C-alpha atoms as a PDB file:
ATOM      1  CA  MET A   1      68.310   1.312 -28.103  1.00  0.00           C
ATOM      2  CA  LYS A   2      65.901  -1.049 -26.407  1.00  0.00           C
ATOM      3  CA  ARG A   3      64.595   1.818 -24.268  1.00  0.00           C
ATOM      4  CA  MET A   4      63.967   3.928 -27.373  1.00  0.00           C
ATOM      5  CA  LEU A   5      62.050   1.074 -28.991  1.00  0.00           C
ATOM      6  CA  VAL A   6      59.889   0.725 -25.881  1.00  0.00           C
ATOM      7  CA  MET A   7      59.176   4.450 -25.820  1.00  0.00           C
ATOM      8  CA  LEU A   8      58.341   4.395 -29.515  1.00  0.00           C
ATOM      9  CA  LEU A   9      55.917   1.519 -28.937  1.00  0.00           C
ATOM     10  CA  VAL A  10      54.234   3.404 -26.084  1.00  0.00           C
ATOM     11  CA  VAL A  11      53.857   6.535 -28.205  1.00  0.00           C
ATOM     12  CA  THR A  12      52.436   4.462 -31.063  1.00  0.00           C
ATOM     13  CA  LEU A  13      49.866   2.851 -28.774  1.00  0.00           C
ATOM     14  CA  VAL A  14      48.836   6.203 -27.321  1.00  0.00           C
ATOM     15  CA  VAL A  15      48.415   7.738 -30.767  1.00  0.00           C
ATOM     16  CA  ALA A  16      46.473   4.687 -31.936  1.00  0.00           C
ATOM     17  CA  GLY A  17      44.230   4.995 -28.889  1.00  0.00           C
ATOM     18  CA  LEU A  18      43.542   8.636 -29.636  1.00  0.00           C
ATOM     19  CA  PHE A  19      42.667   7.831 -33.237  1.00  0.00           C
ATOM     20  CA  ALA A  20      40.382   5.022 -32.056  1.00  0.00           C
ATOM     21  CA  ALA A  21      38.628   7.337 -29.595  1.00  0.00           C
ATOM     22  CA  GLY A  22      38.210   9.922 -32.311  1.00  0.00           C
ATOM     23  CA  ALA A  23      36.822   7.309 -34.671  1.00  0.00           C
ATOM     24  CA  ASN A  24      34.359   6.089 -32.028  1.00  0.00           C
ATOM     25  CA  GLU A  25      33.152   9.647 -31.401  1.00  0.00           C
ATOM     26  CA  GLN A  26      32.841  10.198 -35.144  1.00  0.00           C
ATOM     27  CA  ASN A  27      30.789   7.012 -35.474  1.00  0.00           C
ATOM     28  CA  ALA A  28      28.563   8.063 -32.560  1.00  0.00           C
ATOM     29  CA  GLN A  29      28.100  11.446 -34.227  1.00  0.00           C
ATOM     30  CA  GLN A  30      27.134   9.948 -37.593  1.00  0.00           C
ATOM     31  CA  GLU A  31      23.809  11.079 -39.013  1.00  0.00           C
ATOM     32  CA  LYS A  32      20.836   9.446 -37.328  1.00  0.00           C
ATOM     33  CA  THR A  33      17.136   9.761 -37.952  1.00  0.00           C
ATOM     34  CA  ILE A  34      14.770  10.119 -35.008  1.00  0.00           C
ATOM     35  CA  THR A  35      11.365   8.601 -35.662  1.00  0.00           C
ATOM     36  CA  LEU A  36       9.087  10.897 -33.683  1.00  0.00           C
ATOM     37  CA  ALA A  37       5.386  10.443 -32.893  1.00  0.00           C
ATOM     38  CA  THR A  38       3.035  12.767 -31.036  1.00  0.00           C
ATOM     39  CA  GLY A  39      -0.139  10.758 -31.597  1.00  0.00           C
ATOM     40  CA  ASP A  40      -2.652  13.642 -31.583  1.00  0.00           C
ATOM     41  CA  ALA A  41      -4.511  15.154 -34.509  1.00  0.00           C
ATOM     42  CA  ILE A  42      -2.709  17.550 -36.822  1.00  0.00           C
ATOM     43  CA  GLY A  43      -3.148  21.082 -35.487  1.00  0.00           C
ATOM     44  CA  THR A  44      -3.288  20.154 -31.814  1.00  0.00           C
ATOM     45  CA  LEU A  45      -0.743  21.613 -29.433  1.00  0.00           C
ATOM     46  CA  ARG A  46       1.194  18.343 -29.096  1.00  0.00           C
ATOM     47  CA  ASN A  47       1.313  17.900 -32.846  1.00  0.00           C
ATOM     48  CA  ARG A  48       2.644  21.430 -33.268  1.00  0.00           C
ATOM     49  CA  ALA A  49       5.141  20.803 -30.461  1.00  0.00           C
ATOM     50  CA  GLY A  50       6.532  17.898 -32.483  1.00  0.00           C
ATOM     51  CA  GLU A  51       6.993  20.203 -35.474  1.00  0.00           C
ATOM     52  CA  TYR A  52       8.599  22.837 -33.228  1.00  0.00           C
ATOM     53  CA  PHE A  53      11.080  20.263 -31.882  1.00  0.00           C
ATOM     54  CA  LYS A  54      11.921  19.169 -35.423  1.00  0.00           C
ATOM     55  CA  ALA A  55      12.612  22.778 -36.401  1.00  0.00           C
ATOM     56  CA  GLU A  56      14.787  23.295 -33.327  1.00  0.00           C
ATOM     57  CA  LEU A  57      17.013  20.351 -34.256  1.00  0.00           C
ATOM     58  CA  GLU A  58      17.256  21.572 -37.835  1.00  0.00           C
ATOM     59  CA  LYS A  59      18.975  24.684 -36.441  1.00  0.00           C
ATOM     60  CA  ARG A  60      21.782  22.382 -35.221  1.00  0.00           C
ATOM     61  CA  PRO A  61      23.148  20.619 -38.356  1.00  0.00           C
ATOM     62  CA  GLU A  62      26.376  19.790 -36.529  1.00  0.00           C
ATOM     63  CA  LEU A  63      24.433  17.247 -34.466  1.00  0.00           C
ATOM     64  CA  ASN A  64      23.752  15.127 -37.571  1.00  0.00           C
ATOM     65  CA  LEU A  65      20.200  14.431 -36.427  1.00  0.00           C
ATOM     66  CA  LYS A  66      17.141  14.330 -38.648  1.00  0.00           C
ATOM     67  CA  VAL A  67      13.541  14.007 -37.455  1.00  0.00           C
ATOM     68  CA  ASN A  68      10.860  11.963 -39.167  1.00  0.00           C
ATOM     69  CA  HIS A  69       7.682  13.225 -37.458  1.00  0.00           C
ATOM     70  CA  VAL A  70       4.869  10.715 -37.995  1.00  0.00           C
ATOM     71  CA  GLN A  71       1.871  12.981 -37.541  1.00  0.00           C
ATOM     72  CA  GLY A  72      -1.650  12.177 -36.410  1.00  0.00           C
ATOM     73  CA  ALA A  73      -2.910   8.890 -34.967  1.00  0.00           C
ATOM     74  CA  VAL A  74      -1.675   6.645 -37.791  1.00  0.00           C
ATOM     75  CA  LEU A  75       0.532   4.563 -35.465  1.00  0.00           C
ATOM     76  CA  GLY A  76      -2.344   3.701 -33.121  1.00  0.00           C
ATOM     77  CA  THR A  77      -3.329   4.702 -29.624  1.00  0.00           C
ATOM     78  CA  ALA A  78      -0.920   6.251 -27.140  1.00  0.00           C
ATOM     79  CA  ASN A  79      -0.247   2.976 -25.334  1.00  0.00           C
ATOM     80  CA  GLN A  80       0.328   1.222 -28.694  1.00  0.00           C
ATOM     81  CA  ILE A  81       2.858   3.897 -29.657  1.00  0.00           C
ATOM     82  CA  LEU A  82       4.583   3.474 -26.284  1.00  0.00           C
ATOM     83  CA  ASP A  83       4.948  -0.239 -27.068  1.00  0.00           C
ATOM     84  CA  GLN A  84       6.627   0.792 -30.315  1.00  0.00           C
ATOM     85  CA  VAL A  85       9.009   3.037 -28.371  1.00  0.00           C
ATOM     86  CA  VAL A  86       9.936   0.129 -26.108  1.00  0.00           C
ATOM     87  CA  GLU A  87      10.610  -2.129 -29.112  1.00  0.00           C
ATOM     88  CA  GLY A  88      12.507   0.657 -30.908  1.00  0.00           C
ATOM     89  CA  SER A  89      10.455   1.208 -34.090  1.00  0.00           C
ATOM     90  CA  VAL A  90       9.569   4.650 -32.689  1.00  0.00           C
ATOM     91  CA  HIS A  91      12.451   6.486 -31.021  1.00  0.00           C
ATOM     92  CA  LEU A  92      10.705   9.464 -29.423  1.00  0.00           C
ATOM     93  CA  PHE A  93       7.078   9.997 -28.416  1.00  0.00           C
ATOM     94  CA  GLY A  94       5.580  13.207 -27.054  1.00  0.00           C
ATOM     95  CA  ASN A  95       2.328  12.780 -25.174  1.00  0.00           C
ATOM     96  CA  ASP A  96       0.631  12.930 -21.788  1.00  0.00           C
ATOM     97  CA  ILE A  97       2.607  12.130 -18.631  1.00  0.00           C
ATOM     98  CA  ALA A  98      -0.170   9.724 -17.626  1.00  0.00           C
ATOM     99  CA  TRP A  99       1.035   7.067 -20.076  1.00  0.00           C
ATOM    100  CA  ILE A 100       4.080   6.348 -17.894  1.00  0.00           C
ATOM    101  CA  VAL A 101       1.823   5.139 -15.088  1.00  0.00           C
ATOM    102  CA  PRO A 102       1.627   1.440 -16.117  1.00  0.00           C
ATOM    103  CA  TYR A 103       5.420   1.149 -16.015  1.00  0.00           C
ATOM    104  CA  ASP A 104       5.751   1.574 -12.240  1.00  0.00           C
ATOM    105  CA  ALA A 105       3.143   1.592  -9.500  1.00  0.00           C
ATOM    106  CA  ASP A 106       4.701   4.660  -7.840  1.00  0.00           C
ATOM    107  CA  PHE A 107       3.743   6.762 -10.871  1.00  0.00           C
ATOM    108  CA  GLN A 108       0.063   6.031 -10.307  1.00  0.00           C
ATOM    109  CA  PRO A 109      -0.826   8.853  -7.877  1.00  0.00           C
ATOM    110  CA  ILE A 110       0.308  11.616 -10.271  1.00  0.00           C
ATOM    111  CA  SER A 111      -2.671  10.887 -12.540  1.00  0.00           C
ATOM    112  CA  PHE A 112      -5.232  11.048  -9.765  1.00  0.00           C
ATOM    113  CA  GLY A 113      -7.600  13.970  -9.511  1.00  0.00           C
ATOM    114  CA  PHE A 114      -6.544  16.832  -7.203  1.00  0.00           C
ATOM    115  CA  MET A 115      -3.100  15.293  -6.552  1.00  0.00           C
ATOM    116  CA  PHE A 116      -1.409  18.614  -7.356  1.00  0.00           C
ATOM    117  CA  ARG A 117      -2.350  21.956  -5.842  1.00  0.00           C
ATOM    118  CA  ASP A 118      -1.450  23.888  -8.990  1.00  0.00           C
ATOM    119  CA  VAL A 119       0.946  23.954 -11.946  1.00  0.00           C
ATOM    120  CA  ASP A 120       3.862  25.119  -9.755  1.00  0.00           C
ATOM    121  CA  HIS A 121       3.394  22.117  -7.477  1.00  0.00           C
ATOM    122  CA  MET A 122       3.458  19.738 -10.442  1.00  0.00           C
ATOM    123  CA  ASN A 123       6.599  21.366 -11.843  1.00  0.00           C
ATOM    124  CA  ALA A 124       8.331  21.057  -8.466  1.00  0.00           C
ATOM    125  CA  TYR A 125       7.466  17.346  -8.441  1.00  0.00           C
ATOM    126  CA  PHE A 126       9.087  16.862 -11.868  1.00  0.00           C
ATOM    127  CA  LYS A 127      12.320  18.360 -10.505  1.00  0.00           C
ATOM    128  CA  SER A 128      12.272  16.344  -7.279  1.00  0.00           C
ATOM    129  CA  ARG A 129      14.273  13.216  -6.458  1.00  0.00           C
ATOM    130  CA  THR A 130      10.936  11.462  -5.974  1.00  0.00           C
ATOM    131  CA  PHE A 131      10.308  11.750  -9.721  1.00  0.00           C
ATOM    132  CA  LEU A 132      13.871  11.589 -11.090  1.00  0.00           C
ATOM    133  CA  ASP A 133      14.845   8.425  -9.204  1.00  0.00           C
ATOM    134  CA  LEU A 134      11.673   6.718 -10.365  1.00  0.00           C
ATOM    135  CA  ALA A 135      12.337   7.719 -13.992  1.00  0.00           C
ATOM    136  CA  ASP A 136      15.813   6.105 -13.802  1.00  0.00           C
ATOM    137  CA  LYS A 137      14.287   2.959 -12.329  1.00  0.00           C
ATOM    138  CA  VAL A 138      11.769   2.646 -15.175  1.00  0.00           C
ATOM    139  CA  ALA A 139      14.446   3.221 -17.838  1.00  0.00           C
ATOM    140  CA  ALA A 140      16.542   0.413 -16.380  1.00  0.00           C
ATOM    141  CA  SER A 141      13.651  -2.039 -16.088  1.00  0.00           C
ATOM    142  CA  SER A 142      11.664  -1.376 -19.276  1.00  0.00           C
ATOM    143  CA  GLY A 143      13.945   0.338 -21.791  1.00  0.00           C
ATOM    144  CA  LEU A 144      11.644   3.357 -21.777  1.00  0.00           C
ATOM    145  CA  ARG A 145      13.087   6.647 -20.562  1.00  0.00           C
ATOM    146  CA  ILE A 146      10.891   9.633 -19.727  1.00  0.00           C
ATOM    147  CA  ILE A 147      12.572  13.010 -20.215  1.00  0.00           C
ATOM    148  CA  ALA A 148      11.667  16.708 -20.123  1.00  0.00           C
ATOM    149  CA  PRO A 149       8.145  16.624 -18.658  1.00  0.00           C
ATOM    150  CA  VAL A 150       6.378  19.969 -18.520  1.00  0.00           C
ATOM    151  CA  PRO A 151       3.088  21.040 -16.886  1.00  0.00           C
ATOM    152  CA  MET A 152       0.472  22.405 -19.216  1.00  0.00           C
ATOM    153  CA  ALA A 153      -3.013  23.826 -18.810  1.00  0.00           C
ATOM    154  CA  SER A 154      -5.808  22.593 -16.593  1.00  0.00           C
ATOM    155  CA  ARG A 155      -8.056  19.921 -18.025  1.00  0.00           C
ATOM    156  CA  MET A 156     -11.678  20.914 -18.431  1.00  0.00           C
ATOM    157  CA  PHE A 157     -14.869  18.930 -18.761  1.00  0.00           C
ATOM    158  CA  PHE A 158     -16.821  19.101 -22.019  1.00  0.00           C
ATOM    159  CA  SER A 159     -20.299  17.756 -21.414  1.00  0.00           C
ATOM    160  CA  VAL A 160     -23.664  17.411 -23.099  1.00  0.00           C
ATOM    161  CA  LYS A 161     -25.366  18.942 -20.037  1.00  0.00           C
ATOM    162  CA  PRO A 162     -24.332  21.567 -17.464  1.00  0.00           C
ATOM    163  CA  LEU A 163     -22.091  20.580 -14.544  1.00  0.00           C
ATOM    164  CA  ASN A 164     -22.869  23.036 -11.773  1.00  0.00           C
ATOM    165  CA  THR A 165     -22.570  20.942  -8.593  1.00  0.00           C
ATOM    166  CA  ALA A 166     -20.938  17.747  -7.386  1.00  0.00           C
ATOM    167  CA  ALA A 167     -24.339  16.058  -7.698  1.00  0.00           C
ATOM    168  CA  ASP A 168     -24.204  16.594 -11.465  1.00  0.00           C
ATOM    169  CA  PHE A 169     -21.278  14.154 -11.641  1.00  0.00           C
ATOM    170  CA  LYS A 170     -23.267  11.308 -10.093  1.00  0.00           C
ATOM    171  CA  GLY A 171     -23.707   8.623 -12.755  1.00  0.00           C
ATOM    172  CA  LEU A 172     -22.278  10.880 -15.481  1.00  0.00           C
ATOM    173  CA  LYS A 173     -20.821   8.813 -18.327  1.00  0.00           C
ATOM    174  CA  ILE A 174     -17.314  10.283 -18.686  1.00  0.00           C
ATOM    175  CA  ARG A 175     -14.865   9.240 -21.355  1.00  0.00           C
ATOM    176  CA  ALA A 176     -11.744   7.746 -19.765  1.00  0.00           C
ATOM    177  CA  PRO A 177      -8.432   6.722 -21.336  1.00  0.00           C
ATOM    178  CA  GLY A 178      -7.274   3.176 -20.682  1.00  0.00           C
ATOM    179  CA  LEU A 179      -5.584   4.220 -17.439  1.00  0.00           C
ATOM    180  CA  GLU A 180      -6.782   3.066 -14.048  1.00  0.00           C
ATOM    181  CA  MET A 181      -6.104   6.308 -12.170  1.00  0.00           C
ATOM    182  CA  PHE A 182      -8.320   8.339 -14.487  1.00  0.00           C
ATOM    183  CA  VAL A 183     -11.052   5.744 -14.057  1.00  0.00           C
ATOM    184  CA  LYS A 184     -10.682   5.755 -10.264  1.00  0.00           C
ATOM    185  CA  SER A 185     -10.654   9.568 -10.181  1.00  0.00           C
ATOM    186  CA  TYR A 186     -13.907   9.826 -12.101  1.00  0.00           C
ATOM    187  CA  GLU A 187     -15.427   7.147  -9.897  1.00  0.00           C
ATOM    188  CA  ALA A 188     -14.361   9.193  -6.844  1.00  0.00           C
ATOM    189  CA  TYR A 189     -16.319  12.110  -8.286  1.00  0.00           C
ATOM    190  CA  GLY A 190     -19.362   9.821  -8.499  1.00  0.00           C
ATOM    191  CA  ALA A 191     -19.250   9.423 -12.293  1.00  0.00           C
ATOM    192  CA  SER A 192     -19.397   6.357 -14.531  1.00  0.00           C
ATOM    193  CA  PRO A 193     -16.208   6.233 -16.659  1.00  0.00           C
ATOM    194  CA  THR A 194     -16.210   4.636 -20.123  1.00  0.00           C
ATOM    195  CA  THR A 195     -13.020   3.878 -22.072  1.00  0.00           C
ATOM    196  CA  VAL A 196     -12.936   5.498 -25.529  1.00  0.00           C
ATOM    197  CA  ALA A 197      -9.903   6.065 -27.778  1.00  0.00           C
ATOM    198  CA  TRP A 198      -8.852   9.719 -28.150  1.00  0.00           C
ATOM    199  CA  ASN A 199      -9.630   9.934 -31.877  1.00  0.00           C
ATOM    200  CA  GLU A 200     -13.135   8.488 -31.299  1.00  0.00           C
ATOM    201  CA  ILE A 201     -14.258  10.936 -28.587  1.00  0.00           C
ATOM    202  CA  PHE A 202     -16.178  13.335 -30.833  1.00  0.00           C
ATOM    203  CA  LEU A 203     -18.372  10.553 -32.208  1.00  0.00           C
ATOM    204  CA  ALA A 204     -18.868   9.098 -28.717  1.00  0.00           C
ATOM    205  CA  LEU A 205     -20.070  12.492 -27.471  1.00  0.00           C
ATOM    206  CA  LYS A 206     -22.224  13.072 -30.521  1.00  0.00           C
ATOM    207  CA  THR A 207     -23.987   9.729 -30.119  1.00  0.00           C
ATOM    208  CA  LYS A 208     -24.047  10.135 -26.304  1.00  0.00           C
ATOM    209  CA  LEU A 209     -22.114   6.917 -25.805  1.00  0.00           C
ATOM    210  CA  VAL A 210     -20.435   9.202 -23.274  1.00  0.00           C
ATOM    211  CA  GLU A 211     -21.869  12.400 -21.801  1.00  0.00           C
ATOM    212  CA  ALA A 212     -18.585  14.155 -21.018  1.00  0.00           C
ATOM    213  CA  ALA A 213     -14.892  14.156 -21.856  1.00  0.00           C
ATOM    214  CA  HIS A 214     -11.948  15.722 -20.074  1.00  0.00           C
ATOM    215  CA  GLY A 215      -9.010  17.565 -21.621  1.00  0.00           C
ATOM    216  CA  PRO A 216      -7.143  20.871 -22.108  1.00  0.00           C
ATOM    217  CA  VAL A 217      -8.798  23.258 -24.557  1.00  0.00           C
ATOM    218  CA  ALA A 218      -5.680  23.509 -26.742  1.00  0.00           C
ATOM    219  CA  ASP A 219      -6.002  19.805 -27.563  1.00  0.00           C
ATOM    220  CA  VAL A 220      -9.797  19.807 -27.702  1.00  0.00           C
ATOM    221  CA  ILE A 221     -10.250  22.605 -30.246  1.00  0.00           C
ATOM    222  CA  ALA A 222      -8.813  20.604 -33.145  1.00  0.00           C
ATOM    223  CA  ASN A 223     -11.057  17.666 -32.255  1.00  0.00           C
ATOM    224  CA  LYS A 224     -14.236  19.803 -32.056  1.00  0.00           C
ATOM    225  CA  TRP A 225     -15.601  18.230 -28.862  1.00  0.00           C
ATOM    226  CA  HIS A 226     -17.457  21.439 -28.034  1.00  0.00           C
ATOM    227  CA  LEU A 227     -19.679  21.008 -31.079  1.00  0.00           C
ATOM    228  CA  ALA A 228     -20.967  17.743 -29.614  1.00  0.00           C
ATOM    229  CA  ALA A 229     -20.648  18.620 -25.902  1.00  0.00           C
ATOM    230  CA  PRO A 230     -21.089  22.396 -25.563  1.00  0.00           C
ATOM    231  CA  TYR A 231     -20.865  22.781 -21.760  1.00  0.00           C
ATOM    232  CA  ILE A 232     -17.291  23.597 -20.675  1.00  0.00           C
ATOM    233  CA  THR A 233     -16.518  23.375 -16.947  1.00  0.00           C
ATOM    234  CA  ARG A 234     -13.214  24.357 -15.304  1.00  0.00           C
ATOM    235  CA  THR A 235     -12.739  22.236 -12.175  1.00  0.00           C
ATOM    236  CA  GLU A 236      -8.923  22.539 -11.758  1.00  0.00           C
ATOM    237  CA  ASP A 237      -8.853  18.868 -10.759  1.00  0.00           C
ATOM    238  CA  MET A 238      -6.126  17.688 -13.133  1.00  0.00           C
ATOM    239  CA  TYR A 239      -3.373  19.501 -14.980  1.00  0.00           C
ATOM    240  CA  ALA A 240      -2.247  18.221 -18.326  1.00  0.00           C
ATOM    241  CA  ALA A 241       1.472  17.575 -18.605  1.00  0.00           C
ATOM    242  CA  ASN A 242       3.443  16.666 -21.683  1.00  0.00           C
ATOM    243  CA  ALA A 243       6.347  14.253 -21.472  1.00  0.00           C
ATOM    244  CA  TRP A 244       8.813  12.850 -23.962  1.00  0.00           C
ATOM    245  CA  TYR A 245       9.409   9.103 -24.031  1.00  0.00           C
ATOM    246  CA  VAL A 246      12.587   7.826 -25.649  1.00  0.00           C
ATOM    247  CA  ASN A 247      13.840   4.332 -26.413  1.00  0.00           C
ATOM    248  CA  GLU A 248      16.688   3.769 -23.946  1.00  0.00           C
ATOM    249  CA  ALA A 249      18.895   1.788 -26.353  1.00  0.00           C
ATOM    250  CA  PHE A 250      18.541   4.484 -29.018  1.00  0.00           C
ATOM    251  CA  TRP A 251      19.295   7.144 -26.405  1.00  0.00           C
ATOM    252  CA  ASP A 252      22.409   5.297 -25.248  1.00  0.00           C
ATOM    253  CA  GLY A 253      23.562   4.995 -28.867  1.00  0.00           C
ATOM    254  CA  LEU A 254      23.687   8.752 -29.332  1.00  0.00           C
ATOM    255  CA  SER A 255      26.774  10.795 -28.629  1.00  0.00           C
ATOM    256  CA  ALA A 256      26.887  13.018 -25.550  1.00  0.00           C
ATOM    257  CA  ASP A 257      26.565  16.080 -27.799  1.00  0.00           C
ATOM    258  CA  GLN A 258      23.536  14.621 -29.559  1.00  0.00           C
ATOM    259  CA  ARG A 259      21.789  13.830 -26.276  1.00  0.00           C
ATOM    260  CA  LYS A 260      22.524  17.306 -24.986  1.00  0.00           C
ATOM    261  CA  GLY A 261      21.247  18.845 -28.215  1.00  0.00           C
ATOM    262  CA  ILE A 262      17.994  16.876 -28.013  1.00  0.00           C
ATOM    263  CA  GLU A 263      17.483  17.883 -24.378  1.00  0.00           C
ATOM    264  CA  GLU A 264      18.068  21.537 -25.250  1.00  0.00           C
ATOM    265  CA  ALA A 265      15.634  21.300 -28.162  1.00  0.00           C
ATOM    266  CA  LEU A 266      13.043  19.685 -25.899  1.00  0.00           C
ATOM    267  CA  ASP A 267      13.532  22.368 -23.240  1.00  0.00           C
ATOM    268  CA  SER A 268      12.950  25.033 -25.881  1.00  0.00           C
ATOM    269  CA  THR A 269       9.916  23.139 -27.177  1.00  0.00           C
ATOM    270  CA  ASN A 270       8.492  22.801 -23.671  1.00  0.00           C
ATOM    271  CA  GLU A 271       8.894  26.525 -23.002  1.00  0.00           C
ATOM    272  CA  TRP A 272       7.102  27.295 -26.247  1.00  0.00           C
ATOM    273  CA  SER A 273       4.361  24.744 -25.490  1.00  0.00           C
ATOM    274  CA  PHE A 274       3.728  26.062 -21.978  1.00  0.00           C
ATOM    275  CA  ASN A 275       3.531  29.674 -23.120  1.00  0.00           C
ATOM    276  CA  GLU A 276       1.400  28.740 -26.115  1.00  0.00           C
ATOM    277  CA  SER A 277      -0.973  26.856 -23.843  1.00  0.00           C
ATOM    278  CA  LYS A 278      -1.361  29.823 -21.479  1.00  0.00           C
ATOM    279  CA  LEU A 279      -1.703  32.413 -24.225  1.00  0.00           C
ATOM    280  CA  SER A 280      -4.146  30.476 -26.335  1.00  0.00           C
ATOM    281  CA  GLU A 281      -6.445  29.074 -23.651  1.00  0.00           C
ATOM    282  CA  GLN A 282      -8.798  32.033 -23.236  1.00  0.00           C
ATOM    283  CA  SER A 283      -8.910  32.837 -26.935  1.00  0.00           C
ATOM    284  CA  LEU A 284      -9.808  29.216 -27.661  1.00  0.00           C
ATOM    285  CA  ILE A 285     -12.549  29.280 -25.038  1.00  0.00           C
ATOM    286  CA  ASP A 286     -13.849  32.511 -26.557  1.00  0.00           C
ATOM    287  CA  GLN A 287     -13.867  30.862 -29.969  1.00  0.00           C
ATOM    288  CA  MET A 288     -15.794  27.878 -28.614  1.00  0.00           C
ATOM    289  CA  VAL A 289     -18.324  30.198 -26.990  1.00  0.00           C
ATOM    290  CA  THR A 290     -18.903  32.009 -30.299  1.00  0.00           C
ATOM    291  CA  GLU A 291     -19.564  28.575 -31.800  1.00  0.00           C
ATOM    292  CA  GLY A 292     -22.255  27.822 -29.234  1.00  0.00           C
ATOM    293  CA  ALA A 293     -20.423  26.559 -26.142  1.00  0.00           C
ATOM    294  CA  VAL A 294     -21.264  27.653 -22.585  1.00  0.00           C
ATOM    295  CA  TYR A 295     -18.276  28.244 -20.282  1.00  0.00           C
ATOM    296  CA  ASN A 296     -18.340  27.815 -16.494  1.00  0.00           C
ATOM    297  CA  ALA A 297     -15.068  29.358 -15.261  1.00  0.00           C
ATOM    298  CA  SER A 298     -15.491  28.480 -11.591  1.00  0.00           C
ATOM    299  CA  PHE A 299     -16.963  25.178 -10.454  1.00  0.00           C
ATOM    300  CA  ALA A 300     -18.724  25.860  -7.166  1.00  0.00           C
ATOM    301  CA  ASP A 301     -18.244  22.401  -5.602  1.00  0.00           C
ATOM    302  CA  ARG A 302     -14.506  22.053  -6.303  1.00  0.00           C
ATOM    303  CA  ASP A 303     -13.636  21.587  -2.617  1.00  0.00           C
ATOM    304  CA  LYS A 304     -16.282  18.898  -2.267  1.00  0.00           C
ATOM    305  CA  LEU A 305     -14.900  16.956  -5.243  1.00  0.00           C
ATOM    306  CA  ARG A 306     -11.369  17.397  -3.891  1.00  0.00           C
ATOM    307  CA  VAL A 307     -12.303  15.881  -0.517  1.00  0.00           C
ATOM    308  CA  GLN A 308     -13.888  12.909  -2.297  1.00  0.00           C
ATOM    309  CA  ALA A 309     -10.774  12.444  -4.441  1.00  0.00           C
ATOM    310  CA  ILE A 310      -8.270  12.628  -1.574  1.00  0.00           C
ATOM    311  CA  GLU A 311     -10.309  10.148   0.470  1.00  0.00           C
ATOM    312  CA  ALA A 312     -10.344   7.760  -2.498  1.00  0.00           C
ATOM    313  CA  VAL A 313      -6.620   8.036  -3.267  1.00  0.00           C
ATOM    314  CA  LYS A 314      -5.719   7.427   0.394  1.00  0.00           C
ATOM    315  CA  LYS A 315      -7.811   4.249   0.353  1.00  0.00           C
ATOM    316  CA  LEU A 316      -6.026   3.069  -2.793  1.00  0.00           C
ATOM    317  CA  GLU A 317      -2.641   3.661  -1.168  1.00  0.00           C
ATOM    318  CA  ALA A 318      -3.694   1.791   1.961  1.00  0.00           C
ATOM    319  CA  SER A 319      -4.711  -1.180  -0.210  1.00  0.00           C
ATOM    320  CA  GLY A 320      -1.103  -1.522  -1.441  1.00  0.00           C
ATOM    321  CA  LYS A 321      -1.435   0.077  -4.880  1.00  0.00           C
ATOM    322  CA  TRP A 322       1.918   1.866  -4.442  1.00  0.00           C
ATOM    323  CA  SER A 323       4.487   2.707  -1.773  1.00  0.00           C
ATOM    324  CA  LEU A 324       2.930   3.734   1.509  1.00  0.00           C
ATOM    325  CA  GLY A 325       3.407   7.403   2.283  1.00  0.00           C
ATOM    326  CA  LEU A 326       3.899   8.401  -1.358  1.00  0.00           C
ATOM    327  CA  VAL A 327       0.799  10.613  -1.499  1.00  0.00           C
ATOM    328  CA  ASP A 328       1.962  12.564   1.542  1.00  0.00           C
ATOM    329  CA  GLU A 329       5.476  12.757   0.068  1.00  0.00           C
ATOM    330  CA  ILE A 330       4.123  14.317  -3.116  1.00  0.00           C
ATOM    331  CA  GLN A 331       1.844  16.658  -1.187  1.00  0.00           C
ATOM    332  CA  ALA A 332       4.824  17.863   0.878  1.00  0.00           C
ATOM    333  CA  ILE A 333       6.846  18.952  -2.156  1.00  0.00           C
ATOM    334  CA  LYS A 334       7.121  22.745  -2.287  1.00  0.00           C
END
């Protein structure tokens, strides 16, 4: 009799445990709203990527996830939105990979000019242990996790005067984001960088507060830079890359299925964004040319600028800016 009572108690505890586990999973799978920001103007590629991601999640109602996409620059600059991700008022932010740089010194070289040979090299870096281990380190230390980065198109210069040789960069007032590696890159080219917020670039070009700005054409077209700075120059010095920044506590609070669903939606969004960027680039350039822009598809002094950039980034590494040997480690990735 006693043995039967013990067995009954064990069975009761097991069943209770199963119900508790099921209840916990049900709670984790309860409907949650993702506050998403992309930060760029409505109609830009990143803005449309945010809408694409939202639509992808809407195809998966079983995940119980809704997306509130706060569009445009209403939440502030990119670094201000990142602060909101860290504090948790924004859960997910899609924007340039460069904004992760301030969170760990070993991310700094990826934003330097000519660090990557081409888009394939950048994509290989994103899949490498060099990148993935560093992303885990940042998530643990700051509460900001970077997921699903994807290379995009080459940045191009939009300037108020032609850029035909390396000498044309000497003293050129280039708009720079508030990121040191962009500033140092432009200085390595011989230019004079000036910090201007993204949504203020058109006016800065129009008034010649700056003489050039740097970005992928898919983002530029909606902001009409070419109407103020009609000379477009392809230098292949930097490749834009989109990344998704998520609040770590929010991420941890999702169920495994919800996290997987978000990652799958982001992968689909990234594939769409990359293809959209490639397909639309030439047509956008053609449109800009019909509106008065002049396009230089092959910058003659690219190798000269590259030598200047590599010399500069090696000096920064030697000064202790980040882990010694990191530049060579990135360059060696195949």
